Amino acid sequence: MADAKTDHQIPYVNLAAQSEEQFDDLMQIIGQVLKQGAFVGGQKVAEFEEKVADYCGASQVIALNSGTDALMLAMLVAGVGRGDEVITPPNSFIASTAAIVHIGARPVFVDVLPDQNIDPDKIEAAITPHTRAIMPVHLTGRVCQMDRIIEIADRHGLEIIEDAAQSFGSAYDGRMSGRFGRFGCFSAHPLKNLNALGDAGFIVTDDEAAAQRIRRLRNHGMSDRVTVAEWGLVSRMDVLQAAVLTYRLQKLPDVIERRRNNAALYRKLLRHADLFVPDCAPKEFNTFHTFVIQVQSRDELQKHLAARGIKTTIHYPIPIHLQPAAKDLGHGQGDFPVTERQAQEILTLPINQHIDESDIKAVAREILSFLNEGSANDKISA
């Protein structure tokens, strides 16, 4: 294996580059918010909601302070509560399962496909008289096989609440992420493709009555300034985040195009390597929030890349059902074998929109070098 480092560090994410690229515009936005002196609610938040509704083709968007709250409020308004069960995969970020637990329901896990998304063939066996909803998670920016999930949900009278946190702008069979179930729940965390300067999230829906109730619940359950119609919480998106997101929404098509181009180059360079490389199926429009390969000796490969200045990460090394917090759910090693095997093999490569072609080639060369695929490695020019 080659010992030479790359001539510079290749970061996994590069938020500093995004900030530098947008610095003057962001400073102007921040200045406008400060001058207006309105920091919670109002016209800027409403404008963001309207822009997202136009982008998604939804009649209602509710801006919130996180994707986790989006999931909780969507389930609450859908009538999911204590004693109910929600079917979801165990390989997501912890927030999806935590949201189910926090509203008093029970998460029921279903194993996943090779592409890391929930396996529709295994959903029906998990349905019981207590099942109230299915929460598919569009992991990595790839939308789940929603045509099959919708058919199952319709047949059993179940709600679909999409955890679309990683997939804003993605689509399946021409239909946008978040538009398959009653509610699509999104995160705008700084690491997302559409990203705020802090925590933020939102819900898209066509259910006007539900949207009205969620707007009330996000503001202490108040129907006006003096009347509390029901017990709510504080989950408002602040004005600064709304203003930044409205600005960045205009730039999102370019962000998505860059990420998809980066993914296509990775796929081309690694297509013959002895590892799993995420593809785009004919029905999929993947925005590549992450680019996750699966490879044996993952930990060794990650160390090999790190020694050469290439930063990677793992989404996620411990499945939810094996987390200490999930002990009361009664699961153990071997319950979800595909998820557990993937947790040992998945590795997320840098794919952010600021990585350049030469860096992607450097990453691919080092992966091929580690795998001792010299002839393929020789074909990658600098």
Protein backbone atom coordinates (compact mmCIF):
# COMPACT_ATOMS: atom_id res chain seq x y z
CA MET A 1 0.00 0.00 0.00
CA ALA A 2 1.18 3.52 -0.72
CA ASP A 3 2.42 5.50 2.24
CA ALA A 4 2.27 8.96 0.71
CA LYS A 5 -0.24 11.41 2.09
CA THR A 6 -2.38 13.58 -0.11
CA ASP A 7 -0.85 17.04 -0.56
CA HIS A 8 -3.62 18.54 1.59
CA GLN A 9 -6.36 17.50 3.96
CA ILE A 10 -9.66 16.35 2.42
CA PRO A 11 -12.41 17.15 4.94
CA TYR A 12 -15.61 15.16 5.26
CA VAL A 13 -17.72 18.33 5.43
CA ASN A 14 -16.68 21.86 4.55
CA LEU A 15 -19.12 24.31 6.09
CA ALA A 16 -16.38 26.92 6.23
CA ALA A 17 -16.15 26.88 2.43
CA GLN A 18 -19.90 27.31 2.15
CA SER A 19 -19.80 30.24 4.57
CA GLU A 20 -16.91 31.83 2.68
CA GLU A 21 -18.72 31.45 -0.63
CA GLN A 22 -21.86 33.06 0.78
CA PHE A 23 -20.27 35.37 3.35
CA ASP A 24 -21.30 38.75 1.97
CA ASP A 25 -24.88 37.64 1.36
CA LEU A 26 -25.16 36.03 4.79
CA MET A 27 -23.83 39.16 6.51
CA GLN A 28 -26.43 41.22 4.67
CA ILE A 29 -29.20 38.81 5.74
CA ILE A 30 -28.05 38.89 9.36
CA GLY A 31 -27.88 42.68 9.26
CA GLN A 32 -31.41 42.94 7.88
CA VAL A 33 -32.77 40.70 10.64
CA LEU A 34 -31.00 42.75 13.30
CA LYS A 35 -32.27 46.04 11.87
CA GLN A 36 -35.85 44.80 11.67
CA GLY A 37 -35.72 43.66 15.29
CA ALA A 38 -38.14 40.75 14.77
CA PHE A 39 -36.62 37.45 15.79
CA VAL A 40 -39.55 35.03 16.33
CA GLY A 41 -42.36 34.43 13.84
CA GLY A 42 -43.71 36.90 11.34
CA GLN A 43 -43.22 37.57 7.66
CA LYS A 44 -39.76 36.01 7.19
CA VAL A 45 -40.90 32.65 8.55
CA ALA A 46 -44.09 32.78 6.47
CA GLU A 47 -42.01 33.56 3.38
CA PHE A 48 -39.81 30.51 3.98
CA GLU A 49 -42.88 28.31 4.40
CA GLU A 50 -44.35 29.61 1.14
CA LYS A 51 -41.11 29.04 -0.79
CA VAL A 52 -40.78 25.46 0.47
CA ALA A 53 -44.44 24.79 -0.33
CA ASP A 54 -43.82 25.95 -3.90
CA TYR A 55 -40.67 23.83 -4.16
CA CYS A 56 -42.36 20.68 -2.88
CA GLY A 57 -45.76 21.20 -4.42
CA ALA A 58 -47.41 21.10 -0.99
CA SER A 59 -50.25 23.27 0.22
CA GLN A 60 -48.87 23.59 3.76
CA VAL A 61 -45.42 23.95 5.31
CA ILE A 62 -44.84 24.46 9.04
CA ALA A 63 -41.43 25.80 10.07
CA LEU A 64 -40.11 24.31 13.32
CA ASN A 65 -36.95 24.28 15.37
CA SER A 66 -35.78 20.75 14.43
CA GLY A 67 -36.50 17.67 12.38
CA THR A 68 -37.02 15.73 15.59
CA ASP A 69 -39.84 18.04 16.65
CA ALA A 70 -41.27 17.69 13.13
CA LEU A 71 -41.55 13.93 13.65
CA MET A 72 -43.03 14.27 17.12
CA LEU A 73 -45.63 16.86 16.15
CA ALA A 74 -46.61 14.98 13.00
CA MET A 75 -47.21 11.80 14.97
CA LEU A 76 -49.05 13.65 17.71
CA VAL A 77 -51.44 15.30 15.26
CA ALA A 78 -51.87 11.98 13.41
CA GLY A 79 -53.19 10.51 16.64
CA VAL A 80 -50.21 8.29 17.43
CA GLY A 81 -49.77 7.93 21.17
CA ARG A 82 -49.43 5.69 24.17
CA GLY A 83 -49.97 2.03 23.38
CA ASP A 84 -49.53 2.50 19.63
CA GLU A 85 -46.76 1.00 17.54
CA VAL A 86 -44.81 2.66 14.74
CA ILE A 87 -42.81 0.60 12.24
CA THR A 88 -39.40 2.03 11.37
CA PRO A 89 -35.86 0.81 10.55
CA PRO A 90 -33.17 0.39 13.24
CA ASN A 91 -30.31 1.88 11.22
CA SER A 92 -31.40 5.52 11.24
CA PHE A 93 -30.08 8.38 13.31
CA ILE A 94 -31.45 8.03 16.84
CA ALA A 95 -33.91 10.92 16.39
CA SER A 96 -36.47 8.89 14.43
CA THR A 97 -36.87 6.27 17.16
CA ALA A 98 -36.52 8.81 19.96
CA ALA A 99 -39.44 10.79 18.55
CA ILE A 100 -41.63 7.66 18.67
CA VAL A 101 -40.63 6.95 22.26
CA HIS A 102 -41.15 10.55 23.40
CA ILE A 103 -44.80 10.57 22.35
CA GLY A 104 -45.39 7.36 24.29
CA ALA A 105 -45.57 4.94 21.37
CA ARG A 106 -43.43 1.87 20.77
CA PRO A 107 -40.96 1.60 17.88
CA VAL A 108 -41.19 -1.68 15.99
CA PHE A 109 -38.09 -2.27 13.90
CA VAL A 110 -37.91 -3.77 10.43
CA ASP A 111 -34.63 -4.71 8.77
CA VAL A 112 -33.28 -2.98 5.68
CA LEU A 113 -32.27 -3.58 2.08
CA PRO A 114 -28.69 -3.50 0.75
CA ASP A 115 -29.21 0.21 -0.02
CA GLN A 116 -29.88 0.80 3.74
CA ASN A 117 -33.54 1.72 3.31
CA ILE A 118 -36.37 -0.20 4.98
CA ASP A 119 -37.23 -3.54 3.36
CA PRO A 120 -40.88 -3.45 2.24
CA ASP A 121 -41.01 -7.26 2.16
CA LYS A 122 -40.54 -7.34 5.93
CA ILE A 123 -43.04 -4.69 6.93
CA GLU A 124 -46.24 -6.73 6.90
CA ALA A 125 -44.88 -9.35 9.31
CA ALA A 126 -44.29 -6.55 11.84
CA ILE A 127 -47.88 -5.25 11.76
CA THR A 128 -50.02 -5.97 14.82
CA PRO A 129 -53.39 -4.70 16.04
CA HIS A 130 -51.45 -1.93 17.80
CA THR A 131 -49.69 -0.65 14.68
CA ARG A 132 -50.73 2.91 13.90
CA ALA A 133 -48.12 4.17 11.46
CA ILE A 134 -45.13 3.39 9.27
CA MET A 135 -42.17 5.75 9.48
CA PRO A 136 -39.89 5.10 6.50
CA VAL A 137 -36.52 6.83 6.73
CA HIS A 138 -35.09 8.10 3.45
CA LEU A 139 -31.53 7.46 4.50
CA THR A 140 -28.54 9.03 2.71
CA GLY A 141 -30.82 11.06 0.42
CA ARG A 142 -32.40 8.01 -1.25
CA VAL A 143 -36.20 7.79 -1.04
CA CYS A 144 -37.54 4.41 0.10
CA GLN A 145 -39.57 2.16 -2.20
CA MET A 146 -42.67 4.17 -1.43
CA ASP A 147 -45.03 2.60 -3.97
CA ARG A 148 -44.85 -0.69 -2.07
CA ILE A 149 -44.99 0.97 1.34
CA ILE A 150 -48.08 2.97 0.36
CA GLU A 151 -49.81 -0.20 -0.82
CA ILE A 152 -49.14 -1.90 2.52
CA ALA A 153 -50.22 1.13 4.54
CA ASP A 154 -53.43 1.54 2.57
CA ARG A 155 -54.32 -2.12 2.92
CA HIS A 156 -53.90 -1.99 6.70
CA GLY A 157 -55.25 1.52 7.29
CA LEU A 158 -51.94 2.90 8.56
CA GLU A 159 -50.54 6.42 8.53
CA ILE A 160 -47.29 7.12 6.69
CA ILE A 161 -45.07 9.69 8.37
CA GLU A 162 -41.89 10.17 6.38
CA ASP A 163 -38.60 10.80 8.12
CA ALA A 164 -37.28 12.78 5.18
CA ALA A 165 -34.61 14.57 7.22
CA GLN A 166 -31.80 13.59 4.83
CA SER A 167 -33.68 13.79 1.54
CA PHE A 168 -34.97 17.28 0.81
CA GLY A 169 -35.16 17.59 -2.98
CA SER A 170 -34.95 13.85 -3.58
CA ALA A 171 -37.65 12.00 -5.49
CA TYR A 172 -38.98 8.52 -6.23
CA ASP A 173 -40.81 7.77 -9.46
CA GLY A 174 -41.17 11.49 -10.11
CA ARG A 175 -42.68 12.26 -6.70
CA MET A 176 -40.77 14.37 -4.23
CA SER A 177 -39.58 13.19 -0.86
CA GLY A 178 -42.03 14.08 1.90
CA ARG A 179 -45.01 13.93 -0.45
CA PHE A 180 -45.95 10.26 -0.06
CA GLY A 181 -47.44 10.20 3.42
CA ARG A 182 -49.74 12.50 5.31
CA PHE A 183 -46.68 14.28 6.68
CA GLY A 184 -43.14 14.72 5.41
CA CYS A 185 -40.70 15.68 8.16
CA PHE A 186 -37.44 17.45 7.33
CA SER A 187 -34.35 18.66 9.13
CA ALA A 188 -32.38 21.75 8.13
CA HIS A 189 -29.47 21.03 10.48
CA PRO A 190 -26.17 22.57 9.31
CA LEU A 191 -25.05 19.22 7.85
CA LYS A 192 -28.07 18.88 5.55
CA ASN A 193 -28.09 19.86 1.87
CA LEU A 194 -30.54 22.66 2.69
CA ASN A 195 -28.91 23.87 5.87
CA ALA A 196 -29.46 26.54 8.48
CA LEU A 197 -26.88 28.20 10.72
CA GLY A 198 -28.20 26.12 13.61
CA ASP A 199 -31.04 23.73 14.34
CA ALA A 200 -34.16 23.97 12.21
CA GLY A 201 -36.80 21.72 10.67
CA PHE A 202 -40.17 21.73 8.96
CA ILE A 203 -43.19 19.64 7.99
CA VAL A 204 -44.86 19.50 4.59
CA THR A 205 -48.47 18.36 4.26
CA ASP A 206 -51.68 18.93 2.33
CA ASP A 207 -53.79 18.58 5.48
CA GLU A 208 -54.78 22.17 6.27
CA ALA A 209 -56.48 21.37 9.57
CA ALA A 210 -53.46 19.38 10.76
CA ALA A 211 -51.13 22.19 9.70
CA GLN A 212 -53.18 24.71 11.66
CA ARG A 213 -52.99 22.56 14.76
CA ILE A 214 -49.22 22.05 14.40
CA ARG A 215 -48.74 25.81 14.12
CA ARG A 216 -50.66 26.19 17.37
CA LEU A 217 -48.74 23.39 19.10
CA ARG A 218 -45.35 24.85 18.10
CA ASN A 219 -46.29 28.02 20.00
CA HIS A 220 -47.31 26.70 23.43
CA GLY A 221 -50.68 25.55 22.07
CA MET A 222 -51.87 29.16 21.96
CA SER A 223 -54.71 30.06 19.59
CA ASP A 224 -54.07 33.76 20.20
CA ARG A 225 -51.88 35.83 22.50
CA VAL A 226 -53.98 35.13 25.59
CA THR A 227 -55.74 31.81 24.93
CA VAL A 228 -54.09 28.40 25.37
CA ALA A 229 -56.24 25.97 23.40
CA GLU A 230 -54.16 22.90 24.35
CA TRP A 231 -50.85 22.09 25.97
CA GLY A 232 -48.13 22.74 23.41
CA LEU A 233 -44.41 23.29 23.32
CA VAL A 234 -41.89 25.77 21.93
CA SER A 235 -40.78 24.60 18.49
CA ARG A 236 -40.64 27.76 16.45
CA MET A 237 -38.07 28.34 13.72
CA ASP A 238 -36.42 31.66 14.48
CA VAL A 239 -36.39 34.45 11.92
CA LEU A 240 -32.66 34.31 11.24
CA GLN A 241 -32.78 30.63 10.28
CA ALA A 242 -35.85 31.21 8.12
CA ALA A 243 -34.12 34.06 6.29
CA VAL A 244 -30.94 32.04 5.72
CA LEU A 245 -32.89 29.01 4.53
CA THR A 246 -34.97 31.09 2.13
CA TYR A 247 -31.72 32.39 0.63
CA ARG A 248 -30.12 28.94 0.49
CA LEU A 249 -33.21 27.38 -1.05
CA GLN A 250 -32.42 29.38 -4.21
CA LYS A 251 -28.98 27.78 -4.30
CA LEU A 252 -30.15 24.24 -3.57
CA PRO A 253 -30.42 23.06 -7.21
CA ASP A 254 -26.71 23.83 -7.68
CA VAL A 255 -25.83 22.08 -4.40
CA ILE A 256 -27.76 18.99 -5.48
CA GLU A 257 -26.19 18.98 -8.94
CA ARG A 258 -22.69 19.19 -7.48
CA ARG A 259 -23.35 16.34 -5.06
CA ARG A 260 -24.90 14.15 -7.74
CA ASN A 261 -21.92 14.81 -10.02
CA ASN A 262 -19.56 13.89 -7.19
CA ALA A 263 -21.50 10.68 -6.59
CA ALA A 264 -21.42 9.81 -10.28
CA LEU A 265 -17.64 10.25 -10.34
CA TYR A 266 -17.20 8.04 -7.27
CA ARG A 267 -19.39 5.38 -8.88
CA LYS A 268 -17.38 5.51 -12.09
CA LEU A 269 -14.03 5.26 -10.32
CA LEU A 270 -15.08 2.53 -7.88
CA ARG A 271 -17.46 0.56 -10.07
CA HIS A 272 -15.18 -2.50 -10.35
CA ALA A 273 -13.93 -2.44 -6.76
CA ASP A 274 -14.74 -5.16 -4.26
CA LEU A 275 -17.21 -3.10 -2.25
CA PHE A 276 -20.81 -1.89 -2.29
CA VAL A 277 -21.18 1.45 -4.04
CA PRO A 278 -24.54 3.27 -3.85
CA ASP A 279 -26.24 3.50 -7.20
CA CYS A 280 -29.24 5.40 -8.55
CA ALA A 281 -32.04 3.05 -9.60
CA PRO A 282 -34.24 4.16 -12.51
CA LYS A 283 -37.02 5.42 -10.20
CA GLU A 284 -34.65 7.24 -7.85
CA PHE A 285 -33.47 10.83 -7.79
CA ASN A 286 -30.95 10.76 -4.95
CA THR A 287 -29.61 14.08 -3.64
CA PHE A 288 -26.77 12.36 -1.77
CA HIS A 289 -26.88 13.87 1.67
CA THR A 290 -24.24 11.21 2.23
CA PHE A 291 -22.30 8.79 0.02
CA VAL A 292 -22.00 5.53 1.93
CA ILE A 293 -19.97 2.60 0.67
CA GLN A 294 -19.94 -0.82 2.31
CA VAL A 295 -16.64 -2.64 2.56
CA GLN A 296 -15.04 -5.41 4.58
CA SER A 297 -12.21 -4.28 6.85
CA ARG A 298 -14.00 -0.94 7.12
CA ASP A 299 -12.14 0.17 10.24
CA GLU A 300 -8.78 -0.53 8.64
CA LEU A 301 -9.78 1.34 5.49
CA GLN A 302 -10.91 4.32 7.55
CA LYS A 303 -7.54 4.38 9.31
CA HIS A 304 -5.76 4.08 5.98
CA LEU A 305 -7.63 7.07 4.61
CA ALA A 306 -7.17 9.11 7.80
CA ALA A 307 -3.41 8.55 7.67
CA ARG A 308 -3.47 10.14 4.23
CA GLY A 309 -5.45 13.20 5.29
CA ILE A 310 -8.84 11.95 4.10
CA LYS A 311 -11.64 12.41 6.62
CA THR A 312 -14.56 9.96 6.63
CA THR A 313 -17.29 9.08 9.11
CA ILE A 314 -19.79 6.30 9.86
CA HIS A 315 -23.57 6.66 9.64
CA TYR A 316 -24.13 4.86 12.06
CA PRO A 317 -21.77 2.49 13.89
CA ILE A 318 -24.25 1.25 16.55
CA PRO A 319 -27.75 0.29 15.37
CA ILE A 320 -30.57 1.81 17.39
CA HIS A 321 -31.81 -1.53 18.73
CA LEU A 322 -28.36 -2.13 20.28
CA GLN A 323 -28.07 1.28 21.92
CA PRO A 324 -28.20 1.37 25.74
CA ALA A 325 -31.27 3.61 25.57
CA ALA A 326 -33.14 0.89 23.63
CA LYS A 327 -32.57 -1.83 26.24
CA ASP A 328 -36.23 -1.84 27.33
CA LEU A 329 -37.31 -2.72 23.79
CA GLY A 330 -35.91 -6.19 24.36
CA HIS A 331 -33.74 -6.60 21.27
CA GLY A 332 -30.34 -8.23 21.02
CA GLN A 333 -27.55 -9.05 18.64
CA GLY A 334 -28.81 -10.95 15.62
CA ASP A 335 -32.34 -9.56 15.58
CA PHE A 336 -31.73 -7.45 12.46
CA PRO A 337 -28.83 -9.09 10.65
CA VAL A 338 -28.66 -6.84 7.58
CA THR A 339 -28.55 -3.70 9.69
CA GLU A 340 -25.96 -5.25 12.00
CA ARG A 341 -23.73 -6.39 9.15
CA GLN A 342 -23.93 -2.99 7.48
CA ALA A 343 -23.01 -1.28 10.74
CA GLN A 344 -19.66 -3.09 10.52
CA GLU A 345 -19.10 -2.23 6.86
CA ILE A 346 -20.56 1.22 6.11
CA LEU A 347 -18.22 4.15 5.54
CA THR A 348 -19.29 7.63 4.50
CA LEU A 349 -16.99 9.33 2.02
CA PRO A 350 -16.69 13.10 1.57
CA ILE A 351 -19.19 14.25 -1.05
CA ASN A 352 -19.91 17.83 -0.03
CA GLN A 353 -20.46 20.32 -2.83
CA HIS A 354 -17.08 21.96 -2.25
CA ILE A 355 -14.92 18.90 -2.82
CA ASP A 356 -13.25 19.02 -6.23
CA GLU A 357 -12.69 16.31 -8.83
CA SER A 358 -9.02 15.84 -7.97
CA ASP A 359 -9.90 15.16 -4.33
CA ILE A 360 -12.53 12.59 -5.29
CA LYS A 361 -9.94 10.89 -7.48
CA ALA A 362 -7.48 10.94 -4.57
CA VAL A 363 -10.05 9.28 -2.29
CA ALA A 364 -10.82 6.64 -4.92
CA ARG A 365 -7.11 5.95 -5.53
CA GLU A 366 -6.51 5.37 -1.84
CA ILE A 367 -9.52 3.04 -1.56
CA LEU A 368 -8.31 1.02 -4.55
CA SER A 369 -4.78 1.01 -3.14
CA PHE A 370 -6.10 -0.36 0.16
CA LEU A 371 -8.02 -3.04 -1.72
CA ASN A 372 -4.87 -3.90 -3.74
CA GLU A 373 -6.65 -3.20 -7.01
CA GLY A 374 -3.59 -1.82 -8.72
CA SER A 375 -4.68 -2.05 -12.33
CA ALA A 376 -7.86 -0.09 -11.63
CA ASN A 377 -5.90 2.37 -9.50
CA ASP A 378 -3.52 3.07 -12.39
CA LYS A 379 -6.41 4.26 -14.53
CA ILE A 380 -7.27 7.15 -12.20
CA SER A 381 -5.38 10.20 -13.40
CA ALA A 382 -4.53 13.02 -11.02
